Amino acid sequence: MNHDHDTILKTVRDELPTDELISDLADLFKLFGDTTRAKILFALFESEMCVCAIAELLGMTQSAISHQLKILKNANLVGNRREGKTIFYFLSDEHVHTIIAQGFDHLIEERKTR
């Protein structure tokens, strides 16, 4: 098999996203780098929940959870709905669900090979 350096570079260069998109992707993955946010996302992976339930689950204040939910909501990773005075949070779409599921699949597979 012959390695055609110039053809490979052209192909990759043509497919490479813009710097802006790459930066946005890096920023998205940074959101998953916070343990509290990761725990919140995993909790919402299992079920929609209100702030008070998430706070109780994680042993944190509602204020701390609300702050993290605001960050996740601004990044379109979570959505919410109101039922009376209670606001329930959920993963915003199937993409977020897939990111979390794939991340865990990767970790579990990695541990099996050790």
PDB file of N, CA and C in Angstrom:
ATOM      1  N   MET A   1       0.848  -1.173   0.000  1.00  0.00           N
ATOM      2  CA  MET A   1       0.000   0.000   0.000  1.00  0.00           C
ATOM      3  C   MET A   1       0.895   1.238   0.000  1.00  0.00           C
ATOM      4  N   ASN A   2       0.591   2.186  -0.857  1.00  0.00           N
ATOM      5  CA  ASN A   2       1.385   3.392  -1.014  1.00  0.00           C
ATOM      6  C   ASN A   2       0.731   4.538  -0.249  1.00  0.00           C
ATOM      7  N   HIS A   3       1.515   5.256   0.489  1.00  0.00           N
ATOM      8  CA  HIS A   3       1.026   6.396   1.269  1.00  0.00           C
ATOM      9  C   HIS A   3       1.172   7.663   0.428  1.00  0.00           C
ATOM     10  N   ASP A   4       0.038   8.249   0.040  1.00  0.00           N
ATOM     11  CA  ASP A   4       0.041   9.459  -0.771  1.00  0.00           C
ATOM     12  C   ASP A   4      -0.211  10.664   0.130  1.00  0.00           C
ATOM     13  N   HIS A   5       0.862  11.205   0.642  1.00  0.00           N
ATOM     14  CA  HIS A   5       0.843  12.307   1.607  1.00  0.00           C
ATOM     15  C   HIS A   5       0.001  13.489   1.111  1.00  0.00           C
ATOM     16  N   ASP A   6       0.224  13.927  -0.100  1.00  0.00           N
ATOM     17  CA  ASP A   6      -0.474  15.103  -0.633  1.00  0.00           C
ATOM     18  C   ASP A   6      -1.978  14.871  -0.765  1.00  0.00           C
ATOM     19  N   THR A   7      -2.378  13.686  -1.216  1.00  0.00           N
ATOM     20  CA  THR A   7      -3.800  13.378  -1.356  1.00  0.00           C
ATOM     21  C   THR A   7      -4.478  13.323   0.010  1.00  0.00           C
ATOM     22  N   ILE A   8      -3.812  12.724   0.971  1.00  0.00           N
ATOM     23  CA  ILE A   8      -4.370  12.647   2.332  1.00  0.00           C
ATOM     24  C   ILE A   8      -4.543  14.052   2.901  1.00  0.00           C
ATOM     25  N   LEU A   9      -3.531  14.890   2.753  1.00  0.00           N
ATOM     26  CA  LEU A   9      -3.619  16.263   3.259  1.00  0.00           C
ATOM     27  C   LEU A   9      -4.766  17.023   2.592  1.00  0.00           C
ATOM     28  N   LYS A  10      -4.911  16.872   1.291  1.00  0.00           N
ATOM     29  CA  LYS A  10      -5.988  17.568   0.581  1.00  0.00           C
ATOM     30  C   LYS A  10      -7.350  17.088   1.068  1.00  0.00           C
ATOM     31  N   THR A  11      -7.514  15.786   1.210  1.00  0.00           N
ATOM     32  CA  THR A  11      -8.787  15.222   1.663  1.00  0.00           C
ATOM     33  C   THR A  11      -9.141  15.735   3.058  1.00  0.00           C
ATOM     34  N   VAL A  12      -8.198  15.659   3.969  1.00  0.00           N
ATOM     35  CA  VAL A  12      -8.448  16.098   5.342  1.00  0.00           C
ATOM     36  C   VAL A  12      -8.678  17.604   5.385  1.00  0.00           C
ATOM     37  N   ARG A  13      -7.875  18.344   4.655  1.00  0.00           N
ATOM     38  CA  ARG A  13      -8.020  19.805   4.623  1.00  0.00           C
ATOM     39  C   ARG A  13      -9.411  20.205   4.114  1.00  0.00           C
ATOM     40  N   ASP A  14      -9.906  19.495   3.102  1.00  0.00           N
ATOM     41  CA  ASP A  14     -11.230  19.779   2.541  1.00  0.00           C
ATOM     42  C   ASP A  14     -12.360  19.461   3.525  1.00  0.00           C
ATOM     43  N   GLU A  15     -12.148  18.503   4.395  1.00  0.00           N
ATOM     44  CA  GLU A  15     -13.178  18.075   5.348  1.00  0.00           C
ATOM     45  C   GLU A  15     -13.079  18.783   6.699  1.00  0.00           C
ATOM     46  N   LEU A  16     -11.961  19.431   6.966  1.00  0.00           N
ATOM     47  CA  LEU A  16     -11.742  20.071   8.269  1.00  0.00           C
ATOM     48  C   LEU A  16     -12.748  21.197   8.489  1.00  0.00           C
ATOM     49  N   PRO A  17     -13.456  21.170   9.634  1.00  0.00           N
ATOM     50  CA  PRO A  17     -14.401  22.258   9.928  1.00  0.00           C
ATOM     51  C   PRO A  17     -13.661  23.582  10.145  1.00  0.00           C
ATOM     52  N   THR A  18     -14.415  24.667  10.143  1.00  0.00           N
ATOM     53  CA  THR A  18     -13.829  25.988  10.373  1.00  0.00           C
ATOM     54  C   THR A  18     -13.286  26.064  11.790  1.00  0.00           C
ATOM     55  N   ASP A  19     -12.390  27.017  12.015  1.00  0.00           N
ATOM     56  CA  ASP A  19     -11.848  27.233  13.355  1.00  0.00           C
ATOM     57  C   ASP A  19     -12.960  27.550  14.347  1.00  0.00           C
ATOM     58  N   GLU A  20     -13.978  28.288  13.886  1.00  0.00           N
ATOM     59  CA  GLU A  20     -15.095  28.640  14.769  1.00  0.00           C
ATOM     60  C   GLU A  20     -15.837  27.391  15.236  1.00  0.00           C
ATOM     61  N   LEU A  21     -16.111  26.467  14.311  1.00  0.00           N
ATOM     62  CA  LEU A  21     -16.795  25.228  14.689  1.00  0.00           C
ATOM     63  C   LEU A  21     -15.945  24.363  15.606  1.00  0.00           C
ATOM     64  N   ILE A  22     -14.659  24.289  15.328  1.00  0.00           N
ATOM     65  CA  ILE A  22     -13.745  23.516  16.180  1.00  0.00           C
ATOM     66  C   ILE A  22     -13.717  24.121  17.581  1.00  0.00           C
ATOM     67  N   SER A  23     -13.683  25.435  17.672  1.00  0.00           N
ATOM     68  CA  SER A  23     -13.696  26.124  18.963  1.00  0.00           C
ATOM     69  C   SER A  23     -14.993  25.853  19.714  1.00  0.00           C
ATOM     70  N   ASP A  24     -16.112  25.888  19.000  1.00  0.00           N
ATOM     71  CA  ASP A  24     -17.405  25.594  19.623  1.00  0.00           C
ATOM     72  C   ASP A  24     -17.461  24.152  20.125  1.00  0.00           C
ATOM     73  N   LEU A  25     -16.890  23.236  19.370  1.00  0.00           N
ATOM     74  CA  LEU A  25     -16.846  21.838  19.790  1.00  0.00           C
ATOM     75  C   LEU A  25     -16.006  21.681  21.051  1.00  0.00           C
ATOM     76  N   ALA A  26     -14.860  22.347  21.086  1.00  0.00           N
ATOM     77  CA  ALA A  26     -14.004  22.298  22.279  1.00  0.00           C
ATOM     78  C   ALA A  26     -14.743  22.862  23.485  1.00  0.00           C
ATOM     79  N   ASP A  27     -15.464  23.966  23.290  1.00  0.00           N
ATOM     80  CA  ASP A  27     -16.242  24.556  24.386  1.00  0.00           C
ATOM     81  C   ASP A  27     -17.332  23.603  24.865  1.00  0.00           C
ATOM     82  N   LEU A  28     -17.977  22.904  23.935  1.00  0.00           N
ATOM     83  CA  LEU A  28     -18.999  21.934  24.311  1.00  0.00           C
ATOM     84  C   LEU A  28     -18.405  20.848  25.193  1.00  0.00           C
ATOM     85  N   PHE A  29     -17.274  20.309  24.787  1.00  0.00           N
ATOM     86  CA  PHE A  29     -16.663  19.235  25.567  1.00  0.00           C
ATOM     87  C   PHE A  29     -16.151  19.728  26.918  1.00  0.00           C
ATOM     88  N   LYS A  30     -15.788  20.997  27.024  1.00  0.00           N
ATOM     89  CA  LYS A  30     -15.391  21.553  28.322  1.00  0.00           C
ATOM     90  C   LYS A  30     -16.531  21.471  29.325  1.00  0.00           C
ATOM     91  N   LEU A  31     -17.767  21.620  28.845  1.00  0.00           N
ATOM     92  CA  LEU A  31     -18.925  21.540  29.742  1.00  0.00           C
ATOM     93  C   LEU A  31     -19.026  20.175  30.409  1.00  0.00           C
ATOM     94  N   PHE A  32     -18.595  19.144  29.714  1.00  0.00           N
ATOM     95  CA  PHE A  32     -18.629  17.791  30.261  1.00  0.00           C
ATOM     96  C   PHE A  32     -17.457  17.553  31.219  1.00  0.00           C
ATOM     97  N   GLY A  33     -16.529  18.493  31.296  1.00  0.00           N
ATOM     98  CA  GLY A  33     -15.338  18.341  32.122  1.00  0.00           C
ATOM     99  C   GLY A  33     -15.535  18.696  33.586  1.00  0.00           C
ATOM    100  N   ASP A  34     -16.722  19.141  33.946  1.00  0.00           N
ATOM    101  CA  ASP A  34     -17.020  19.488  35.329  1.00  0.00           C
ATOM    102  C   ASP A  34     -17.783  18.327  35.964  1.00  0.00           C
ATOM    103  N   THR A  35     -17.299  17.824  37.099  1.00  0.00           N
ATOM    104  CA  THR A  35     -17.902  16.656  37.736  1.00  0.00           C
ATOM    105  C   THR A  35     -19.354  16.888  38.116  1.00  0.00           C
ATOM    106  N   THR A  36     -19.665  18.060  38.663  1.00  0.00           N
ATOM    107  CA  THR A  36     -21.054  18.340  39.046  1.00  0.00           C
ATOM    108  C   THR A  36     -21.964  18.330  37.836  1.00  0.00           C
ATOM    109  N   ARG A  37     -21.539  18.987  36.764  1.00  0.00           N
ATOM    110  CA  ARG A  37     -22.366  18.995  35.553  1.00  0.00           C
ATOM    111  C   ARG A  37     -22.505  17.587  34.987  1.00  0.00           C
ATOM    112  N   ALA A  38     -21.436  16.802  35.028  1.00  0.00           N
ATOM    113  CA  ALA A  38     -21.497  15.424  34.543  1.00  0.00           C
ATOM    114  C   ALA A  38     -22.493  14.606  35.369  1.00  0.00           C
ATOM    115  N   LYS A  39     -22.499  14.806  36.684  1.00  0.00           N
ATOM    116  CA  LYS A  39     -23.457  14.097  37.539  1.00  0.00           C
ATOM    117  C   LYS A  39     -24.889  14.520  37.217  1.00  0.00           C
ATOM    118  N   ILE A  40     -25.099  15.816  37.015  1.00  0.00           N
ATOM    119  CA  ILE A  40     -26.430  16.309  36.667  1.00  0.00           C
ATOM    120  C   ILE A  40     -26.884  15.702  35.340  1.00  0.00           C
ATOM    121  N   LEU A  41     -26.006  15.713  34.350  1.00  0.00           N
ATOM    122  CA  LEU A  41     -26.365  15.149  33.049  1.00  0.00           C
ATOM    123  C   LEU A  41     -26.683  13.670  33.168  1.00  0.00           C
ATOM    124  N   PHE A  42     -25.895  12.945  33.971  1.00  0.00           N
ATOM    125  CA  PHE A  42     -26.177  11.520  34.130  1.00  0.00           C
ATOM    126  C   PHE A  42     -27.509  11.310  34.837  1.00  0.00           C
ATOM    127  N   ALA A  43     -27.809  12.119  35.853  1.00  0.00           N
ATOM    128  CA  ALA A  43     -29.095  12.012  36.542  1.00  0.00           C
ATOM    129  C   ALA A  43     -30.239  12.246  35.556  1.00  0.00           C
ATOM    130  N   LEU A  44     -30.084  13.264  34.713  1.00  0.00           N
ATOM    131  CA  LEU A  44     -31.128  13.580  33.731  1.00  0.00           C
ATOM    132  C   LEU A  44     -31.172  12.550  32.604  1.00  0.00           C
ATOM    133  N   PHE A  45     -30.089  11.841  32.421  1.00  0.00           N
ATOM    134  CA  PHE A  45     -30.047  10.718  31.470  1.00  0.00           C
ATOM    135  C   PHE A  45     -31.055   9.659  31.922  1.00  0.00           C
ATOM    136  N   GLU A  46     -31.178   9.500  33.243  1.00  0.00           N
ATOM    137  CA  GLU A  46     -32.067   8.491  33.816  1.00  0.00           C
ATOM    138  C   GLU A  46     -33.518   8.956  33.882  1.00  0.00           C
ATOM    139  N   SER A  47     -33.725  10.256  34.197  1.00  0.00           N
ATOM    140  CA  SER A  47     -35.087  10.752  34.372  1.00  0.00           C
ATOM    141  C   SER A  47     -35.089  12.267  34.421  1.00  0.00           C
ATOM    142  N   GLU A  48     -36.185  12.894  33.995  1.00  0.00           N
ATOM    143  CA  GLU A  48     -36.306  14.326  34.215  1.00  0.00           C
ATOM    144  C   GLU A  48     -36.461  14.541  35.714  1.00  0.00           C
ATOM    145  N   MET A  49     -35.942  15.673  36.188  1.00  0.00           N
ATOM    146  CA  MET A  49     -35.941  15.929  37.628  1.00  0.00           C
ATOM    147  C   MET A  49     -36.074  17.418  37.896  1.00  0.00           C
ATOM    148  N   CYS A  50     -36.590  17.748  39.085  1.00  0.00           N
ATOM    149  CA  CYS A  50     -36.629  19.142  39.518  1.00  0.00           C
ATOM    150  C   CYS A  50     -35.326  19.464  40.255  1.00  0.00           C
ATOM    151  N   VAL A  51     -35.069  20.743  40.441  1.00  0.00           N
ATOM    152  CA  VAL A  51     -33.832  21.188  41.095  1.00  0.00           C
ATOM    153  C   VAL A  51     -33.694  20.566  42.481  1.00  0.00           C
ATOM    154  N   CYS A  52     -34.794  20.561  43.232  1.00  0.00           N
ATOM    155  CA  CYS A  52     -34.700  20.049  44.609  1.00  0.00           C
ATOM    156  C   CYS A  52     -34.319  18.567  44.632  1.00  0.00           C
ATOM    157  N   ALA A  53     -34.807  17.778  43.680  1.00  0.00           N
ATOM    158  CA  ALA A  53     -34.464  16.357  43.619  1.00  0.00           C
ATOM    159  C   ALA A  53     -32.995  16.174  43.232  1.00  0.00           C
ATOM    160  N   ILE A  54     -32.518  16.959  42.273  1.00  0.00           N
ATOM    161  CA  ILE A  54     -31.107  16.866  41.875  1.00  0.00           C
ATOM    162  C   ILE A  54     -30.215  17.265  43.045  1.00  0.00           C
ATOM    163  N   ALA A  55     -30.584  18.345  43.735  1.00  0.00           N
ATOM    164  CA  ALA A  55     -29.802  18.814  44.881  1.00  0.00           C
ATOM    165  C   ALA A  55     -29.726  17.737  45.962  1.00  0.00           C
ATOM    166  N   GLU A  56     -30.850  17.102  46.240  1.00  0.00           N
ATOM    167  CA  GLU A  56     -30.867  16.036  47.247  1.00  0.00           C
ATOM    168  C   GLU A  56     -30.018  14.854  46.802  1.00  0.00           C
ATOM    169  N   LEU A  57     -30.164  14.466  45.549  1.00  0.00           N
ATOM    170  CA  LEU A  57     -29.403  13.340  45.003  1.00  0.00           C
ATOM    171  C   LEU A  57     -27.905  13.571  45.129  1.00  0.00           C
ATOM    172  N   LEU A  58     -27.468  14.788  44.800  1.00  0.00           N
ATOM    173  CA  LEU A  58     -26.029  15.085  44.784  1.00  0.00           C
ATOM    174  C   LEU A  58     -25.517  15.653  46.099  1.00  0.00           C
ATOM    175  N   GLY A  59     -26.416  15.888  47.062  1.00  0.00           N
ATOM    176  CA  GLY A  59     -25.985  16.428  48.344  1.00  0.00           C
ATOM    177  C   GLY A  59     -25.455  17.844  48.228  1.00  0.00           C
ATOM    178  N   MET A  60     -26.104  18.637  47.401  1.00  0.00           N
ATOM    179  CA  MET A  60     -25.674  20.017  47.168  1.00  0.00           C
ATOM    180  C   MET A  60     -26.849  20.955  47.389  1.00  0.00           C
ATOM    181  N   THR A  61     -26.565  22.250  47.418  1.00  0.00           N
ATOM    182  CA  THR A  61     -27.629  23.233  47.583  1.00  0.00           C
ATOM    183  C   THR A  61     -28.375  23.411  46.263  1.00  0.00           C
ATOM    184  N   GLN A  62     -29.634  23.828  46.375  1.00  0.00           N
ATOM    185  CA  GLN A  62     -30.420  24.104  45.176  1.00  0.00           C
ATOM    186  C   GLN A  62     -29.796  25.231  44.374  1.00  0.00           C
ATOM    187  N   SER A  63     -29.198  26.194  45.066  1.00  0.00           N
ATOM    188  CA  SER A  63     -28.546  27.314  44.387  1.00  0.00           C
ATOM    189  C   SER A  63     -27.388  26.835  43.516  1.00  0.00           C
ATOM    190  N   ALA A  64     -26.580  25.927  44.052  1.00  0.00           N
ATOM    191  CA  ALA A  64     -25.438  25.396  43.294  1.00  0.00           C
ATOM    192  C   ALA A  64     -25.914  24.609  42.073  1.00  0.00           C
ATOM    193  N   ILE A  65     -26.972  23.828  42.268  1.00  0.00           N
ATOM    194  CA  ILE A  65     -27.521  23.051  41.156  1.00  0.00           C
ATOM    195  C   ILE A  65     -28.121  23.978  40.107  1.00  0.00           C
ATOM    196  N   SER A  66     -28.860  24.988  40.552  1.00  0.00           N
ATOM    197  CA  SER A  66     -29.467  25.948  39.616  1.00  0.00           C
ATOM    198  C   SER A  66     -28.402  26.640  38.775  1.00  0.00           C
ATOM    199  N   HIS A  67     -27.283  26.980  39.404  1.00  0.00           N
ATOM    200  CA  HIS A  67     -26.188  27.628  38.674  1.00  0.00           C
ATOM    201  C   HIS A  67     -25.675  26.709  37.558  1.00  0.00           C
ATOM    202  N   GLN A  68     -25.464  25.453  37.871  1.00  0.00           N
ATOM    203  CA  GLN A  68     -24.960  24.503  36.869  1.00  0.00           C
ATOM    204  C   GLN A  68     -26.010  24.231  35.789  1.00  0.00           C
ATOM    205  N   LEU A  69     -27.272  24.165  36.189  1.00  0.00           N
ATOM    206  CA  LEU A  69     -28.341  23.954  35.203  1.00  0.00           C
ATOM    207  C   LEU A  69     -28.434  25.124  34.230  1.00  0.00           C
ATOM    208  N   LYS A  70     -28.198  26.322  34.731  1.00  0.00           N
ATOM    209  CA  LYS A  70     -28.226  27.494  33.851  1.00  0.00           C
ATOM    210  C   LYS A  70     -27.134  27.379  32.785  1.00  0.00           C
ATOM    211  N   ILE A  71     -25.949  26.956  33.191  1.00  0.00           N
ATOM    212  CA  ILE A  71     -24.840  26.763  32.241  1.00  0.00           C
ATOM    213  C   ILE A  71     -25.218  25.701  31.205  1.00  0.00           C
ATOM    214  N   LEU A  72     -25.767  24.594  31.679  1.00  0.00           N
ATOM    215  CA  LEU A  72     -26.154  23.509  30.775  1.00  0.00           C
ATOM    216  C   LEU A  72     -27.295  23.930  29.848  1.00  0.00           C
ATOM    217  N   LYS A  73     -28.228  24.715  30.370  1.00  0.00           N
ATOM    218  CA  LYS A  73     -29.348  25.199  29.555  1.00  0.00           C
ATOM    219  C   LYS A  73     -28.861  26.183  28.494  1.00  0.00           C
ATOM    220  N   ASN A  74     -27.946  27.085  28.873  1.00  0.00           N
ATOM    221  CA  ASN A  74     -27.390  28.044  27.908  1.00  0.00           C
ATOM    222  C   ASN A  74     -26.631  27.348  26.781  1.00  0.00           C
ATOM    223  N   ALA A  75     -26.121  26.163  27.057  1.00  0.00           N
ATOM    224  CA  ALA A  75     -25.400  25.382  26.044  1.00  0.00           C
ATOM    225  C   ALA A  75     -26.339  24.434  25.294  1.00  0.00           C
ATOM    226  N   ASN A  76     -27.636  24.540  25.572  1.00  0.00           N
ATOM    227  CA  ASN A  76     -28.647  23.688  24.938  1.00  0.00           C
ATOM    228  C   ASN A  76     -28.447  22.203  25.215  1.00  0.00           C
ATOM    229  N   LEU A  77     -27.873  21.884  26.373  1.00  0.00           N
ATOM    230  CA  LEU A  77     -27.716  20.482  26.756  1.00  0.00           C
ATOM    231  C   LEU A  77     -28.904  19.993  27.577  1.00  0.00           C
ATOM    232  N   VAL A  78     -29.569  20.911  28.276  1.00  0.00           N
ATOM    233  CA  VAL A  78     -30.778  20.556  29.015  1.00  0.00           C
ATOM    234  C   VAL A  78     -31.898  21.519  28.642  1.00  0.00           C
ATOM    235  N   GLY A  79     -33.103  21.031  28.791  1.00  0.00           N
ATOM    236  CA  GLY A  79     -34.287  21.849  28.616  1.00  0.00           C
ATOM    237  C   GLY A  79     -35.102  21.779  29.891  1.00  0.00           C
ATOM    238  N   ASN A  80     -36.192  22.522  29.937  1.00  0.00           N
ATOM    239  CA  ASN A  80     -37.046  22.451  31.119  1.00  0.00           C
ATOM    240  C   ASN A  80     -38.503  22.648  30.739  1.00  0.00           C
ATOM    241  N   ARG A  81     -39.344  22.266  31.667  1.00  0.00           N
ATOM    242  CA  ARG A  81     -40.776  22.474  31.524  1.00  0.00           C
ATOM    243  C   ARG A  81     -41.322  22.808  32.903  1.00  0.00           C
ATOM    244  N   ARG A  82     -42.360  23.613  32.927  1.00  0.00           N
ATOM    245  CA  ARG A  82     -42.974  24.039  34.187  1.00  0.00           C
ATOM    246  C   ARG A  82     -44.252  23.247  34.423  1.00  0.00           C
ATOM    247  N   GLU A  83     -44.406  22.808  35.661  1.00  0.00           N
ATOM    248  CA  GLU A  83     -45.639  22.145  36.100  1.00  0.00           C
ATOM    249  C   GLU A  83     -46.036  22.818  37.407  1.00  0.00           C
ATOM    250  N   GLY A  84     -46.966  23.754  37.331  1.00  0.00           N
ATOM    251  CA  GLY A  84     -47.298  24.570  38.505  1.00  0.00           C
ATOM    252  C   GLY A  84     -46.111  25.453  38.849  1.00  0.00           C
ATOM    253  N   LYS A  85     -45.653  25.349  40.078  1.00  0.00           N
ATOM    254  CA  LYS A  85     -44.494  26.137  40.511  1.00  0.00           C
ATOM    255  C   LYS A  85     -43.180  25.386  40.329  1.00  0.00           C
ATOM    256  N   THR A  86     -43.266  24.133  39.938  1.00  0.00           N
ATOM    257  CA  THR A  86     -42.070  23.297  39.827  1.00  0.00           C
ATOM    258  C   THR A  86     -41.566  23.279  38.386  1.00  0.00           C
ATOM    259  N   ILE A  87     -40.254  23.419  38.244  1.00  0.00           N
ATOM    260  CA  ILE A  87     -39.617  23.331  36.923  1.00  0.00           C
ATOM    261  C   ILE A  87     -38.862  22.011  36.855  1.00  0.00           C
ATOM    262  N   PHE A  88     -39.155  21.230  35.846  1.00  0.00           N
ATOM    263  CA  PHE A  88     -38.491  19.954  35.635  1.00  0.00           C
ATOM    264  C   PHE A  88     -37.467  20.100  34.514  1.00  0.00           C
ATOM    265  N   TYR A  89     -36.305  19.517  34.723  1.00  0.00           N
ATOM    266  CA  TYR A  89     -35.217  19.574  33.745  1.00  0.00           C
ATOM    267  C   TYR A  89     -35.041  18.207  33.104  1.00  0.00           C
ATOM    268  N   PHE A  90     -34.589  18.222  31.857  1.00  0.00           N
ATOM    269  CA  PHE A  90     -34.390  17.000  31.087  1.00  0.00           C
ATOM    270  C   PHE A  90     -33.289  17.245  30.060  1.00  0.00           C
ATOM    271  N   LEU A  91     -32.719  16.167  29.529  1.00  0.00           N
ATOM    272  CA  LEU A  91     -31.736  16.307  28.454  1.00  0.00           C
ATOM    273  C   LEU A  91     -32.452  16.891  27.250  1.00  0.00           C
ATOM    274  N   SER A  92     -31.828  17.856  26.598  1.00  0.00           N
ATOM    275  CA  SER A  92     -32.527  18.622  25.567  1.00  0.00           C
ATOM    276  C   SER A  92     -32.878  17.825  24.324  1.00  0.00           C
ATOM    277  N   ASP A  93     -32.065  16.840  23.964  1.00  0.00           N
ATOM    278  CA  ASP A  93     -32.399  16.052  22.783  1.00  0.00           C
ATOM    279  C   ASP A  93     -31.621  14.741  22.780  1.00  0.00           C
ATOM    280  N   GLU A  94     -31.892  13.957  21.769  1.00  0.00           N
ATOM    281  CA  GLU A  94     -31.272  12.633  21.667  1.00  0.00           C
ATOM    282  C   GLU A  94     -29.751  12.714  21.489  1.00  0.00           C
ATOM    283  N   HIS A  95     -29.256  13.828  20.924  1.00  0.00           N
ATOM    284  CA  HIS A  95     -27.804  13.968  20.761  1.00  0.00           C
ATOM    285  C   HIS A  95     -27.096  13.955  22.109  1.00  0.00           C
ATOM    286  N   VAL A  96     -27.650  14.669  23.073  1.00  0.00           N
ATOM    287  CA  VAL A  96     -27.039  14.731  24.409  1.00  0.00           C
ATOM    288  C   VAL A  96     -27.085  13.346  25.046  1.00  0.00           C
ATOM    289  N   HIS A  97     -28.201  12.677  24.889  1.00  0.00           N
ATOM    290  CA  HIS A  97     -28.349  11.310  25.404  1.00  0.00           C
ATOM    291  C   HIS A  97     -27.266  10.413  24.797  1.00  0.00           C
ATOM    292  N   THR A  98     -27.067  10.532  23.499  1.00  0.00           N
ATOM    293  CA  THR A  98     -26.080   9.718  22.791  1.00  0.00           C
ATOM    294  C   THR A  98     -24.660  10.020  23.253  1.00  0.00           C
ATOM    295  N   ILE A  99     -24.337  11.300  23.442  1.00  0.00           N
ATOM    296  CA  ILE A  99     -22.990  11.679  23.905  1.00  0.00           C
ATOM    297  C   ILE A  99     -22.693  11.009  25.241  1.00  0.00           C
ATOM    298  N   ILE A 100     -23.643  11.072  26.157  1.00  0.00           N
ATOM    299  CA  ILE A 100     -23.441  10.478  27.479  1.00  0.00           C
ATOM    300  C   ILE A 100     -23.344   8.961  27.378  1.00  0.00           C
ATOM    301  N   ALA A 101     -24.249   8.354  26.632  1.00  0.00           N
ATOM    302  CA  ALA A 101     -24.238   6.901  26.480  1.00  0.00           C
ATOM    303  C   ALA A 101     -22.937   6.424  25.834  1.00  0.00           C
ATOM    304  N   GLN A 102     -22.494   7.112  24.795  1.00  0.00           N
ATOM    305  CA  GLN A 102     -21.257   6.723  24.112  1.00  0.00           C
ATOM    306  C   GLN A 102     -20.044   6.900  25.026  1.00  0.00           C
ATOM    307  N   GLY A 103     -20.057   7.976  25.820  1.00  0.00           N
ATOM    308  CA  GLY A 103     -18.962   8.194  26.773  1.00  0.00           C
ATOM    309  C   GLY A 103     -18.859   7.046  27.762  1.00  0.00           C
ATOM    310  N   PHE A 104     -19.992   6.626  28.308  1.00  0.00           N
ATOM    311  CA  PHE A 104     -19.977   5.512  29.249  1.00  0.00           C
ATOM    312  C   PHE A 104     -19.613   4.208  28.566  1.00  0.00           C
ATOM    313  N   ASP A 105     -20.110   3.972  27.364  1.00  0.00           N
ATOM    314  CA  ASP A 105     -19.732   2.768  26.617  1.00  0.00           C
ATOM    315  C   ASP A 105     -18.224   2.725  26.413  1.00  0.00           C
ATOM    316  N   HIS A 106     -17.632   3.870  26.081  1.00  0.00           N
ATOM    317  CA  HIS A 106     -16.190   3.945  25.877  1.00  0.00           C
ATOM    318  C   HIS A 106     -15.446   3.600  27.163  1.00  0.00           C
ATOM    319  N   LEU A 107     -15.893   4.171  28.283  1.00  0.00           N
ATOM    320  CA  LEU A 107     -15.232   3.906  29.563  1.00  0.00           C
ATOM    321  C   LEU A 107     -15.347   2.442  29.973  1.00  0.00           C
ATOM    322  N   ILE A 108     -16.531   1.874  29.789  1.00  0.00           N
ATOM    323  CA  ILE A 108     -16.740   0.481  30.171  1.00  0.00           C
ATOM    324  C   ILE A 108     -15.894  -0.438  29.298  1.00  0.00           C
ATOM    325  N   GLU A 109     -15.863  -0.178  27.994  1.00  0.00           N
ATOM    326  CA  GLU A 109     -15.056  -0.981  27.073  1.00  0.00           C
ATOM    327  C   GLU A 109     -13.571  -0.875  27.408  1.00  0.00           C
ATOM    328  N   GLU A 110     -13.138   0.355  27.718  1.00  0.00           N
ATOM    329  CA  GLU A 110     -11.737   0.590  28.066  1.00  0.00           C
ATOM    330  C   GLU A 110     -11.348  -0.215  29.300  1.00  0.00           C
ATOM    331  N   ARG A 111     -12.227  -0.278  30.288  1.00  0.00           N
ATOM    332  CA  ARG A 111     -11.948  -1.005  31.534  1.00  0.00           C
ATOM    333  C   ARG A 111     -11.917  -2.514  31.303  1.00  0.00           C
ATOM    334  N   LYS A 112     -12.687  -2.988  30.337  1.00  0.00           N
ATOM    335  CA  LYS A 112     -12.696  -4.421  30.033  1.00  0.00           C
ATOM    336  C   LYS A 112     -11.364  -4.866  29.438  1.00  0.00           C
ATOM    337  N   THR A 113     -10.695  -3.955  28.713  1.00  0.00           N
ATOM    338  CA  THR A 113      -9.459  -4.324  28.028  1.00  0.00           C
ATOM    339  C   THR A 113      -8.232  -4.214  28.930  1.00  0.00           C
ATOM    340  N   ARG A 114      -8.408  -3.688  30.108  1.00  0.00           N
ATOM    341  CA  ARG A 114      -7.254  -3.561  31.033  1.00  0.00           C
ATOM    342  C   ARG A 114      -6.885  -4.861  31.641  1.00  0.00           C
TER     343      ARG A 114
END
